[in-house]
Amino acid sequence: MDIYKYAMQMEKDGESYYRELTEKIGNLGLKRILTMLADAEVIHYNILLKMKKNEKIGMTDTPILADVKNIFIKMKEEKEITGINISQVELYKKAQQIEEKSQNFYLDKAGEVEDLLQKEIFLKIAEEEKKHFFILESVIDFVSRPQRWLENAEWYHLDEY
């Protein structure tokens, strides 16, 4: 099995799923969050493509948690809870399962590769997928109880770690 081809397809599937979700929801804040997650999957895809081609690569931490936190803060300030549908929670849970599967895949591959740079990149992507999982957890909480969530929001769970 070509791990790069498999991983690249996983990232492409993740991107497609997030883009499909943006079409199904009406809340602009959630659309921005899902678009950021889709864009992050594109970044991972491009990194993997470079790895496959043995090109020079580098991966920096993305500010996605801070960006998502800012979106939620803005939603709270504007009391923006329109376009939220509790029936979509299962869609977000499925996305969360995809992120968890991806994280485990990258952790496994990091343990298998001998090249230290590749190992480091796989570990960083795994960490990114973990962040995506927690973002989706916040989205699930928000969609499940938007008004209460915004009123009582504690942003510690979205801080960089």
Protein backbone atom coordinates (compact mmCIF):
# COMPACT_ATOMS: atom_id res chain seq x y z
CA MET A 1 0.00 0.00 0.00
CA ASP A 2 1.25 3.46 -0.92
CA ILE A 3 0.80 5.31 2.38
CA TYR A 4 0.99 8.68 0.66
CA LYS A 5 -1.69 7.83 -1.85
CA TYR A 6 -3.92 6.49 0.93
CA ALA A 7 -3.29 9.50 3.18
CA MET A 8 -3.84 11.95 0.33
CA GLN A 9 -7.18 10.30 -0.46
CA MET A 10 -8.17 10.54 3.21
CA GLU A 11 -7.42 14.27 3.17
CA LYS A 12 -9.32 14.75 -0.09
CA ASP A 13 -12.31 12.86 1.34
CA GLY A 14 -12.18 15.01 4.48
CA GLU A 15 -12.09 18.18 2.44
CA SER A 16 -15.05 17.03 0.33
CA TYR A 17 -17.05 16.12 3.43
CA TYR A 18 -16.51 19.54 5.01
CA ARG A 19 -17.41 21.33 1.78
CA GLU A 20 -20.60 19.24 1.51
CA LEU A 21 -21.48 20.14 5.10
CA THR A 22 -21.13 23.85 4.37
CA GLU A 23 -23.87 23.47 1.76
CA LYS A 24 -26.21 21.88 4.29
CA ILE A 25 -26.04 24.49 7.04
CA GLY A 26 -27.36 28.02 7.26
CA ASN A 27 -25.26 29.48 10.07
CA LEU A 28 -22.46 31.67 8.66
CA GLY A 29 -20.14 31.14 11.63
CA LEU A 30 -20.37 27.36 11.33
CA LYS A 31 -19.87 27.65 7.57
CA ARG A 32 -16.61 29.57 8.19
CA ILE A 33 -15.42 26.95 10.68
CA LEU A 34 -16.16 24.09 8.29
CA THR A 35 -14.48 25.95 5.44
CA MET A 36 -11.37 26.38 7.59
CA LEU A 37 -11.38 22.66 8.33
CA ALA A 38 -11.70 21.89 4.61
CA ASP A 39 -8.84 24.27 3.82
CA ALA A 40 -6.69 22.58 6.49
CA GLU A 41 -7.27 19.24 4.77
CA VAL A 42 -6.03 20.78 1.51
CA ILE A 43 -2.86 21.91 3.29
CA HIS A 44 -2.32 18.37 4.59
CA TYR A 45 -2.90 16.97 1.10
CA ASN A 46 -0.27 19.29 -0.39
CA ILE A 47 2.25 18.39 2.31
CA LEU A 48 1.71 14.70 1.65
CA LEU A 49 2.07 15.26 -2.09
CA LYS A 50 5.44 16.93 -1.51
CA MET A 51 6.49 14.08 0.75
CA LYS A 52 5.55 11.57 -1.94
CA LYS A 53 7.63 13.48 -4.50
CA ASN A 54 10.55 13.76 -2.04
CA GLU A 55 10.36 17.53 -2.23
CA LYS A 56 11.50 19.79 0.55
CA ILE A 57 8.70 20.23 3.03
CA GLY A 58 7.99 22.11 6.14
CA MET A 59 4.93 22.26 8.28
CA THR A 60 4.12 25.02 10.67
CA ASP A 61 1.40 25.05 13.26
CA THR A 62 -1.81 26.54 12.00
CA PRO A 63 -3.77 29.08 14.03
CA ILE A 64 -7.02 27.18 13.46
CA LEU A 65 -7.98 26.94 17.14
CA ALA A 66 -7.48 30.67 17.66
CA ASP A 67 -9.41 31.42 14.47
CA VAL A 68 -12.31 29.18 15.50
CA LYS A 69 -12.31 30.74 18.96
CA ASN A 70 -12.60 34.18 17.35
CA ILE A 71 -15.55 33.02 15.23
CA PHE A 72 -17.36 31.70 18.30
CA ILE A 73 -16.63 34.94 20.17
CA LYS A 74 -18.04 36.95 17.27
CA MET A 75 -21.10 34.70 17.17
CA LYS A 76 -21.59 35.29 20.89
CA GLU A 77 -21.23 39.05 20.55
CA GLU A 78 -23.70 39.13 17.66
CA LYS A 79 -25.95 36.48 19.25
CA GLU A 80 -25.82 34.66 15.92
CA ILE A 81 -27.71 31.40 16.34
CA THR A 82 -29.79 31.37 13.16
CA GLY A 83 -29.44 28.51 10.72
CA ILE A 84 -28.61 25.93 13.39
CA ASN A 85 -30.25 22.54 13.10
CA ILE A 86 -29.96 19.98 15.91
CA SER A 87 -30.61 17.17 13.41
CA GLN A 88 -27.19 17.86 11.91
CA VAL A 89 -25.34 16.73 15.03
CA GLU A 90 -24.83 13.28 13.49
CA LEU A 91 -23.08 14.88 10.51
CA TYR A 92 -20.60 16.56 12.85
CA LYS A 93 -20.11 13.35 14.82
CA LYS A 94 -19.28 11.56 11.57
CA ALA A 95 -16.71 14.26 10.79
CA GLN A 96 -15.30 13.79 14.27
CA GLN A 97 -14.93 10.05 13.64
CA ILE A 98 -13.09 10.81 10.39
CA GLU A 99 -10.69 13.11 12.25
CA GLU A 100 -10.06 10.48 14.92
CA LYS A 101 -9.39 7.84 12.26
CA SER A 102 -6.98 10.21 10.50
CA GLN A 103 -5.17 11.04 13.71
CA ASN A 104 -4.68 7.34 14.49
CA PHE A 105 -3.48 6.67 10.95
CA TYR A 106 -0.80 9.38 11.16
CA LEU A 107 0.32 8.27 14.60
CA ASP A 108 0.68 4.70 13.31
CA LYS A 109 2.63 5.83 10.24
CA ALA A 110 4.89 8.03 12.36
CA GLY A 111 5.80 4.89 14.28
CA GLU A 112 6.58 3.00 11.09
CA VAL A 113 8.72 5.42 9.09
CA GLU A 114 12.44 5.68 9.66
CA ASP A 115 13.01 9.12 8.18
CA LEU A 116 12.95 11.62 11.06
CA LEU A 117 11.48 14.44 8.97
CA GLN A 118 8.65 12.22 7.75
CA LYS A 119 8.01 11.07 11.31
CA GLU A 120 7.86 14.69 12.46
CA ILE A 121 5.44 15.64 9.67
CA PHE A 122 3.15 12.68 10.40
CA LEU A 123 3.13 13.62 14.09
CA LYS A 124 2.29 17.25 13.27
CA ILE A 125 -0.54 16.23 10.98
CA ALA A 126 -1.83 13.90 13.71
CA GLU A 127 -1.80 16.84 16.12
CA GLU A 128 -3.72 18.94 13.60
CA GLU A 129 -6.32 16.20 13.26
CA LYS A 130 -6.63 16.15 17.06
CA LYS A 131 -7.33 19.89 17.00
CA HIS A 132 -9.99 19.33 14.35
CA PHE A 133 -11.59 16.71 16.60
CA PHE A 134 -11.86 19.21 19.46
CA ILE A 135 -13.19 21.91 17.14
CA LEU A 136 -15.93 19.53 16.06
CA GLU A 137 -16.65 18.75 19.72
CA SER A 138 -17.27 22.46 20.24
CA VAL A 139 -19.47 22.59 17.14
CA ILE A 140 -21.50 19.63 18.44
CA ASP A 141 -21.92 21.31 21.82
CA PHE A 142 -22.91 24.55 20.14
CA VAL A 143 -25.44 22.97 17.79
CA SER A 144 -26.93 20.92 20.62
CA ARG A 145 -27.65 23.95 22.79
CA PRO A 146 -26.70 27.20 21.00
CA GLN A 147 -28.20 29.84 23.25
CA ARG A 148 -26.96 28.30 26.49
CA TRP A 149 -23.60 27.45 24.95
CA LEU A 150 -22.99 31.03 23.85
CA GLU A 151 -24.18 32.48 27.14
CA ASN A 152 -21.99 30.19 29.24
CA ALA A 153 -19.14 29.66 26.79
CA GLU A 154 -15.79 29.06 28.36
CA TRP A 155 -13.14 29.29 25.73
CA TYR A 156 -10.46 27.28 27.55
CA HIS A 157 -11.27 24.21 25.46
CA LEU A 158 -10.33 26.07 22.29
CA ASP A 159 -7.02 27.48 23.56
CA GLU A 160 -3.81 26.39 21.90
CA TYR A 161 -2.17 23.53 23.75
